[in-house]
Amino acid sequence: RLWRGAAGVAMFFIIFVATLGAAGAMGSLSLSSPSVVGGEEFSITLSDASLNTNPGARESVTVTISADKENEPVHDVVLTETDINTGVFRGSAVTVPSSSAALPSPGIINVVRGSIVTVSSPAGLTEALTILSPGSVLVPPATAPGTPLLIEVYDPDVDASGVLREGVSVTVSVSCSGAVAAGCPADASARPAQASETVALKETGPQSSRFTGALQTFLQEGTAAPHAGAGDGAVDVRGRSSGCGPDVLRVSYQDGAPAGQRSAQSVAAFSGTVLLSNRTVDPSGDGSITVTVSDRDLHNVSSVLVFVSSSRLGEPSEQLTLQADGACSPVPTFSGSLATSPSGTPAEGDAAVVV
């Protein structure tokens, strides 16, 4: 700026204005990740030259960590300077999935899914991260051919809307287990190729985070596979009697946060049946009941056990051994007889029931 003095002499004054931004004045604070899964550790880095008060020593500084979980206290975490005279301080904290109230514990933060964890420096800098929950897939351990495969996905991180029922999708693939029924494969034909199916799941209710759906299965016999193609909402499956063992239905879900594939599997298994030779027993004289069990999963099994109980007071349950019919058939059957009598002493293990 030019300034003319009283004597007419031009005088020049140079004014220097130094500006220092907030980041330079206060340093910077960063976390190792914007989100973690409950149970994981995260690291904290604080760069602040003003905290480097002793250039000849590695110093430390305390930051505070809070979580927006009910009754969760504020935690103090000590960061240590990376080396002498760096002004950079590092440390870490561990998240623990817990909904209970916690006592202040350095470096251990109790969280629930969706919690926001905030780290604050002495100078007022803050950084936050979100607690994520991995999704999970649930299917029954066994599915009978001809019945729907029931599928459920639980993923709290998908629940973006508080008022709408949202949706996710899964992929179902089918392959034989390789657990061959040695000696008696009722269906020795090669398994036809089965395309994967995509199944849309719907949230059970707003903010429930549970998504359900089903895929219809059909019994596949011989070389015919009417549902082998993709996109028809069904799959053909074979049971234990096939040449390559029971089919395995694998359900895969691509989780977005945290990223990863979640899966579960269900094995094709038939429901067995129990038949009685007669529905009534004459209590006036001795008699018998023939018990027959049919089960397509019991190939190469010589016998099965059944338990017979009576509502008669004091009559113990009976364990009855049913013998296989000996034939290598698509539906193995087993049978045995139980005696009935109007008199006698109730006893366990005598293959008889007092009625």
Protein backbone atom coordinates (compact mmCIF):
# COMPACT_ATOMS: atom_id res chain seq x y z
CA ARG A 1 0.00 0.00 0.00
CA LEU A 2 1.33 3.47 -0.90
CA TRP A 3 1.22 6.11 1.81
CA ARG A 4 2.32 9.73 1.22
CA GLY A 5 3.79 11.37 4.24
CA ALA A 6 3.53 15.03 5.29
CA ALA A 7 6.78 15.88 3.53
CA GLY A 8 5.50 14.47 0.30
CA VAL A 9 7.77 11.50 0.56
CA ALA A 10 6.16 8.37 -0.71
CA MET A 11 6.31 5.68 1.93
CA PHE A 12 5.57 2.07 1.21
CA PHE A 13 4.14 -0.25 3.83
CA ILE A 14 3.89 -3.93 3.04
CA ILE A 15 1.37 -5.77 5.13
CA PHE A 16 1.66 -9.50 5.28
CA VAL A 17 -1.51 -11.37 6.18
CA ALA A 18 -0.97 -15.00 7.07
CA THR A 19 -3.90 -17.30 7.13
CA LEU A 20 -3.90 -20.75 8.54
CA GLY A 21 -6.80 -23.05 7.82
CA ALA A 22 -8.66 -25.02 10.46
CA ALA A 23 -7.01 -28.24 9.46
CA GLY A 24 -3.56 -26.70 9.82
CA ALA A 25 -4.34 -25.06 13.13
CA MET A 26 -6.06 -28.07 14.66
CA GLY A 27 -4.40 -30.93 12.81
CA SER A 28 -6.34 -33.89 11.45
CA LEU A 29 -8.10 -36.93 12.84
CA SER A 30 -8.75 -40.13 10.88
CA LEU A 31 -10.04 -43.65 11.48
CA SER A 32 -8.94 -46.83 9.75
CA SER A 33 -12.41 -47.44 8.28
CA PRO A 34 -15.77 -45.65 7.99
CA SER A 35 -17.47 -48.82 9.23
CA VAL A 36 -16.65 -52.02 11.10
CA VAL A 37 -18.48 -55.17 12.14
CA GLY A 38 -19.30 -55.42 15.83
CA GLY A 39 -16.38 -57.25 17.46
CA GLU A 40 -13.72 -55.76 15.21
CA GLU A 41 -10.93 -53.35 16.11
CA PHE A 42 -10.32 -49.96 14.50
CA SER A 43 -7.29 -47.69 14.60
CA ILE A 44 -7.12 -43.95 15.26
CA THR A 45 -4.59 -41.47 13.86
CA LEU A 46 -4.30 -37.91 15.17
CA SER A 47 -1.91 -35.41 13.57
CA ASP A 48 -1.54 -32.29 15.69
CA ALA A 49 1.75 -30.38 15.92
CA SER A 50 0.50 -28.40 18.90
CA LEU A 51 0.49 -31.57 20.98
CA ASN A 52 4.18 -32.17 20.25
CA THR A 53 5.26 -30.22 23.33
CA ASN A 54 8.53 -32.11 23.90
CA PRO A 55 10.47 -32.64 20.64
CA GLY A 56 12.91 -34.96 22.42
CA ALA A 57 10.38 -37.56 23.59
CA ARG A 58 7.56 -39.74 22.32
CA GLU A 59 4.47 -38.27 23.89
CA SER A 60 0.88 -39.41 24.30
CA VAL A 61 -2.53 -37.82 24.07
CA THR A 62 -5.99 -38.92 25.17
CA VAL A 63 -9.01 -38.92 22.87
CA THR A 64 -12.57 -39.71 23.86
CA ILE A 65 -14.85 -42.26 22.21
CA SER A 66 -18.61 -42.34 22.52
CA ALA A 67 -21.30 -44.59 21.01
CA ASP A 68 -24.94 -43.66 20.53
CA LYS A 69 -26.04 -46.75 22.45
CA GLU A 70 -28.22 -46.41 25.51
CA ASN A 71 -26.21 -46.26 28.77
CA GLU A 72 -22.87 -46.47 26.99
CA PRO A 73 -20.33 -44.22 28.81
CA VAL A 74 -17.66 -42.08 27.20
CA HIS A 75 -14.34 -43.93 26.94
CA ASP A 76 -10.81 -42.51 27.10
CA VAL A 77 -8.24 -43.97 24.71
CA VAL A 78 -4.55 -43.08 24.85
CA LEU A 79 -2.75 -42.49 21.55
CA THR A 80 1.04 -42.69 21.39
CA GLU A 81 3.29 -40.57 19.21
CA THR A 82 4.71 -42.59 16.32
CA ASP A 83 8.24 -41.30 17.05
CA ILE A 84 9.92 -38.34 18.68
CA ASN A 85 8.99 -34.97 17.26
CA THR A 86 6.41 -36.25 14.72
CA GLY A 87 3.20 -34.82 16.16
CA VAL A 88 1.41 -37.92 14.84
CA PHE A 89 -0.34 -40.09 17.43
CA ARG A 90 -1.84 -43.54 16.92
CA GLY A 91 -3.92 -45.99 18.91
CA SER A 92 -6.85 -48.36 18.61
CA ALA A 93 -10.13 -49.42 20.15
CA VAL A 94 -12.17 -52.62 20.06
CA THR A 95 -15.92 -52.86 19.54
CA VAL A 96 -17.89 -55.47 21.47
CA PRO A 97 -21.43 -56.44 20.40
CA SER A 98 -23.48 -55.94 23.57
CA SER A 99 -26.76 -54.23 24.35
CA SER A 100 -26.13 -54.14 28.09
CA ALA A 101 -24.93 -51.11 30.01
CA ALA A 102 -21.17 -50.99 30.30
CA LEU A 103 -18.62 -49.57 32.70
CA PRO A 104 -16.00 -47.21 31.31
CA SER A 105 -13.23 -49.40 29.95
CA PRO A 106 -10.29 -47.94 28.00
CA GLY A 107 -10.32 -49.06 24.38
CA ILE A 108 -13.40 -51.31 24.66
CA ILE A 109 -16.64 -49.94 23.20
CA ASN A 110 -19.94 -51.78 23.58
CA VAL A 111 -22.06 -51.44 20.45
CA VAL A 112 -25.19 -52.72 18.76
CA ARG A 113 -25.91 -52.91 15.05
CA GLY A 114 -26.23 -49.45 13.52
CA SER A 115 -24.36 -47.74 16.36
CA ILE A 116 -22.45 -44.58 15.48
CA VAL A 117 -19.08 -44.45 17.23
CA THR A 118 -17.53 -40.98 17.50
CA VAL A 119 -13.89 -40.18 18.31
CA SER A 120 -13.04 -36.66 19.57
CA SER A 121 -9.62 -35.04 19.94
CA PRO A 122 -8.62 -32.52 22.65
CA ALA A 123 -8.82 -29.75 20.04
CA GLY A 124 -12.39 -30.65 19.08
CA LEU A 125 -11.79 -32.68 15.93
CA THR A 126 -14.27 -35.53 15.45
CA GLU A 127 -14.55 -38.58 13.23
CA ALA A 128 -17.23 -41.28 13.28
CA LEU A 129 -17.78 -44.81 12.03
CA THR A 130 -20.83 -47.06 11.75
CA ILE A 131 -21.26 -50.55 13.21
CA LEU A 132 -22.35 -53.04 10.56
CA SER A 133 -23.96 -56.45 11.00
CA PRO A 134 -23.13 -59.30 8.57
CA GLY A 135 -26.17 -60.79 6.92
CA SER A 136 -27.06 -64.45 7.45
CA VAL A 137 -28.93 -67.11 5.49
CA LEU A 138 -31.23 -69.64 7.13
CA VAL A 139 -32.67 -72.74 5.44
CA PRO A 140 -33.92 -76.03 6.93
CA PRO A 141 -31.24 -78.76 7.16
CA ALA A 142 -33.37 -80.99 4.91
CA THR A 143 -36.01 -80.39 2.27
CA ALA A 144 -38.32 -83.10 0.98
CA PRO A 145 -38.51 -83.26 -2.84
CA GLY A 146 -41.87 -81.91 -3.92
CA THR A 147 -42.01 -79.34 -1.11
CA PRO A 148 -40.81 -75.71 -1.16
CA LEU A 149 -37.32 -74.83 0.01
CA LEU A 150 -37.95 -72.17 2.67
CA ILE A 151 -35.37 -69.35 2.67
CA GLU A 152 -34.75 -66.55 5.15
CA VAL A 153 -32.12 -63.80 5.07
CA TYR A 154 -31.43 -61.58 8.06
CA ASP A 155 -29.56 -58.38 7.23
CA PRO A 156 -30.09 -55.24 9.34
CA ASP A 157 -27.91 -53.13 7.06
CA VAL A 158 -30.37 -53.47 4.15
CA ASP A 159 -33.19 -51.87 6.12
CA ALA A 160 -32.81 -48.38 4.62
CA SER A 161 -36.46 -47.38 4.84
CA GLY A 162 -38.38 -47.22 8.07
CA VAL A 163 -41.80 -47.52 6.45
CA LEU A 164 -41.40 -49.82 3.43
CA ARG A 165 -40.99 -53.57 3.13
CA GLU A 166 -37.77 -53.96 1.21
CA GLY A 167 -36.39 -56.87 -0.78
CA VAL A 168 -33.22 -58.86 -1.43
CA SER A 169 -32.41 -61.74 -3.76
CA VAL A 170 -30.53 -65.02 -3.37
CA THR A 171 -29.18 -67.62 -5.78
CA VAL A 172 -29.98 -71.31 -5.36
CA SER A 173 -27.73 -73.93 -6.96
CA VAL A 174 -28.19 -77.71 -6.94
CA SER A 175 -25.50 -80.39 -6.96
CA CYS A 176 -25.33 -83.99 -5.83
CA SER A 177 -23.53 -84.62 -2.56
CA GLY A 178 -21.49 -87.60 -3.74
CA ALA A 179 -22.67 -89.65 -0.74
CA VAL A 180 -23.52 -92.64 -2.91
CA ALA A 181 -25.81 -95.35 -1.59
CA ALA A 182 -23.27 -98.11 -2.24
CA GLY A 183 -24.70 -101.42 -3.38
CA CYS A 184 -28.24 -100.24 -3.95
CA PRO A 185 -28.65 -97.06 -5.96
CA ALA A 186 -32.23 -97.30 -7.09
CA ASP A 187 -31.60 -94.61 -9.71
CA ALA A 188 -28.19 -95.09 -11.30
CA SER A 189 -28.71 -92.57 -14.14
CA ALA A 190 -26.45 -89.53 -14.38
CA ARG A 191 -27.81 -86.39 -12.84
CA PRO A 192 -29.04 -83.92 -15.50
CA ALA A 193 -27.54 -80.43 -15.30
CA GLN A 194 -29.59 -78.06 -13.18
CA ALA A 195 -29.38 -74.29 -13.75
CA SER A 196 -29.24 -71.95 -10.76
CA GLU A 197 -32.36 -70.05 -9.78
CA THR A 198 -32.64 -66.48 -8.48
CA VAL A 199 -35.22 -66.09 -5.73
CA ALA A 200 -36.63 -62.73 -4.62
CA LEU A 201 -37.18 -62.39 -0.87
CA LYS A 202 -39.49 -59.84 0.75
CA GLU A 203 -39.07 -58.21 4.14
CA THR A 204 -41.57 -59.57 6.65
CA GLY A 205 -42.38 -56.05 7.82
CA PRO A 206 -40.92 -52.52 7.89
CA GLN A 207 -37.63 -52.51 9.82
CA SER A 208 -37.82 -56.23 10.57
CA SER A 209 -34.57 -56.89 8.66
CA ARG A 210 -35.89 -60.41 7.92
CA PHE A 211 -36.49 -61.37 4.30
CA THR A 212 -38.33 -64.57 3.38
CA GLY A 213 -39.21 -66.50 0.26
CA ALA A 214 -39.38 -70.01 -1.15
CA LEU A 215 -38.32 -72.08 -4.16
CA GLN A 216 -40.46 -75.00 -5.28
CA THR A 217 -38.73 -78.37 -5.64
CA PHE A 218 -39.80 -81.38 -7.70
CA LEU A 219 -38.67 -84.99 -7.52
CA GLN A 220 -36.37 -85.74 -10.44
CA GLU A 221 -36.40 -89.36 -11.62
CA GLY A 222 -34.45 -90.91 -14.47
CA THR A 223 -33.14 -88.52 -17.09
CA ALA A 224 -36.22 -86.28 -17.28
CA ALA A 225 -35.67 -82.85 -15.76
CA PRO A 226 -38.56 -80.53 -16.67
CA HIS A 227 -37.31 -77.76 -14.37
CA ALA A 228 -33.62 -77.88 -15.34
CA GLY A 229 -33.69 -74.44 -16.97
CA ALA A 230 -33.31 -71.15 -15.14
CA GLY A 231 -36.09 -68.69 -14.51
CA ASP A 232 -39.06 -71.01 -13.91
CA GLY A 233 -39.01 -70.64 -10.13
CA ALA A 234 -38.41 -74.35 -9.49
CA VAL A 235 -35.68 -77.00 -9.41
CA ASP A 236 -35.62 -80.77 -9.84
CA VAL A 237 -33.90 -82.66 -7.01
CA ARG A 238 -33.01 -86.27 -6.25
CA GLY A 239 -32.74 -88.05 -2.95
CA ARG A 240 -30.36 -90.57 -1.43
CA SER A 241 -31.37 -93.33 -3.86
CA SER A 242 -29.63 -91.63 -6.79
CA GLY A 243 -26.29 -92.69 -8.22
CA CYS A 244 -24.46 -89.67 -6.79
CA GLY A 245 -26.24 -89.33 -3.49
CA PRO A 246 -28.81 -86.81 -2.29
CA ASP A 247 -28.84 -83.38 -3.88
CA VAL A 248 -27.61 -80.35 -1.95
CA LEU A 249 -29.43 -77.06 -2.41
CA ARG A 250 -27.00 -74.22 -1.73
CA VAL A 251 -28.45 -70.74 -1.11
CA SER A 252 -26.04 -67.81 -1.62
CA TYR A 253 -26.60 -64.19 -0.63
CA GLN A 254 -24.31 -61.34 -1.66
CA ASP A 255 -24.02 -59.08 1.36
CA GLY A 256 -23.20 -55.48 0.53
CA ALA A 257 -22.13 -54.24 3.97
CA PRO A 258 -19.90 -55.71 5.11
CA ALA A 259 -19.15 -57.08 1.66
CA GLY A 260 -19.09 -60.84 1.37
CA GLN A 261 -21.09 -63.88 0.35
CA ARG A 262 -23.27 -65.58 2.96
CA SER A 263 -24.57 -69.07 2.29
CA ALA A 264 -26.41 -72.04 3.74
CA GLN A 265 -27.40 -75.42 2.38
CA SER A 266 -30.26 -77.88 2.64
CA VAL A 267 -30.06 -81.56 1.70
CA ALA A 268 -32.83 -83.26 -0.28
CA ALA A 269 -34.35 -85.84 2.07
CA PHE A 270 -37.69 -87.60 1.98
CA SER A 271 -40.25 -87.75 4.74
CA GLY A 272 -40.74 -91.30 5.95
CA THR A 273 -44.18 -92.79 6.64
CA VAL A 274 -45.46 -95.13 9.36
CA LEU A 275 -48.40 -97.46 8.67
CA LEU A 276 -50.31 -99.68 11.09
CA SER A 277 -52.07 -102.85 9.97
CA ASN A 278 -55.19 -101.95 11.91
CA ARG A 279 -56.51 -98.84 13.57
CA THR A 280 -58.32 -100.61 16.43
CA VAL A 281 -57.47 -103.44 18.85
CA ASP A 282 -59.95 -105.87 20.40
CA PRO A 283 -59.32 -105.60 24.17
CA SER A 284 -61.10 -108.90 24.88
CA GLY A 285 -58.39 -111.16 23.48
CA ASP A 286 -54.80 -111.43 22.28
CA GLY A 287 -53.92 -109.71 19.04
CA SER A 288 -51.11 -108.07 17.11
CA ILE A 289 -50.33 -104.95 15.13
CA THR A 290 -48.00 -104.91 12.14
CA VAL A 291 -45.93 -101.74 11.87
CA THR A 292 -44.50 -100.75 8.48
CA VAL A 293 -42.08 -97.90 7.83
CA SER A 294 -41.32 -96.61 4.31
CA ASP A 295 -38.43 -94.21 3.76
CA ARG A 296 -36.65 -93.42 0.47
CA ASP A 297 -33.54 -92.28 2.36
CA LEU A 298 -32.89 -95.67 4.02
CA HIS A 299 -31.24 -97.63 1.20
CA ASN A 300 -28.77 -100.32 2.31
CA VAL A 301 -30.20 -100.28 5.84
CA SER A 302 -31.10 -103.67 7.29
CA SER A 303 -33.38 -102.54 10.11
CA VAL A 304 -34.88 -99.53 11.86
CA LEU A 305 -36.14 -98.90 15.39
CA VAL A 306 -39.54 -97.52 16.30
CA PHE A 307 -40.99 -96.74 19.70
CA VAL A 308 -44.53 -97.67 20.67
CA SER A 309 -46.23 -95.99 23.62
CA SER A 310 -49.63 -96.61 25.22
CA SER A 311 -51.89 -94.28 27.15
CA ARG A 312 -52.60 -97.13 29.60
CA LEU A 313 -51.36 -96.19 33.06
CA GLY A 314 -48.18 -98.03 33.98
CA GLU A 315 -47.53 -99.47 30.51
CA PRO A 316 -43.94 -98.65 29.48
CA SER A 317 -42.92 -97.78 25.94
CA GLU A 318 -41.73 -100.59 23.68
CA GLN A 319 -38.78 -100.49 21.31
CA LEU A 320 -39.59 -102.49 18.21
CA THR A 321 -37.05 -103.52 15.55
CA LEU A 322 -38.41 -103.52 12.00
CA GLN A 323 -36.60 -105.59 9.39
CA ALA A 324 -36.00 -104.48 5.79
CA ASP A 325 -37.93 -106.27 3.07
CA GLY A 326 -34.61 -107.04 1.36
CA ALA A 327 -35.45 -105.59 -2.05
CA CYS A 328 -33.46 -102.79 -3.69
CA SER A 329 -36.47 -100.63 -4.45
CA PRO A 330 -36.95 -96.88 -4.84
CA VAL A 331 -38.86 -96.90 -1.53
CA PRO A 332 -37.28 -99.20 1.10
CA THR A 333 -39.80 -100.68 3.55
CA PHE A 334 -39.37 -102.19 7.00
CA SER A 335 -41.90 -104.16 9.04
CA GLY A 336 -42.42 -105.86 12.37
CA SER A 337 -45.19 -106.94 14.73
CA LEU A 338 -46.26 -105.92 18.21
CA ALA A 339 -48.39 -108.23 20.37
CA THR A 340 -51.39 -106.93 22.32
CA SER A 341 -53.08 -108.62 25.27
CA PRO A 342 -55.88 -107.77 27.71
CA SER A 343 -53.97 -109.25 30.63
CA GLY A 344 -50.46 -109.66 31.94
CA THR A 345 -47.89 -107.59 33.74
CA PRO A 346 -46.73 -104.47 31.91
CA ALA A 347 -43.04 -104.86 31.13
CA GLU A 348 -40.54 -103.07 28.96
CA GLY A 349 -38.78 -104.99 26.21
CA ASP A 350 -41.29 -107.83 25.73
CA ALA A 351 -42.59 -106.59 22.35
CA ALA A 352 -46.09 -106.60 23.78
CA VAL A 353 -48.55 -104.06 25.08
CA VAL A 354 -51.28 -104.69 27.67
CA VAL A 355 -54.50 -103.07 26.49
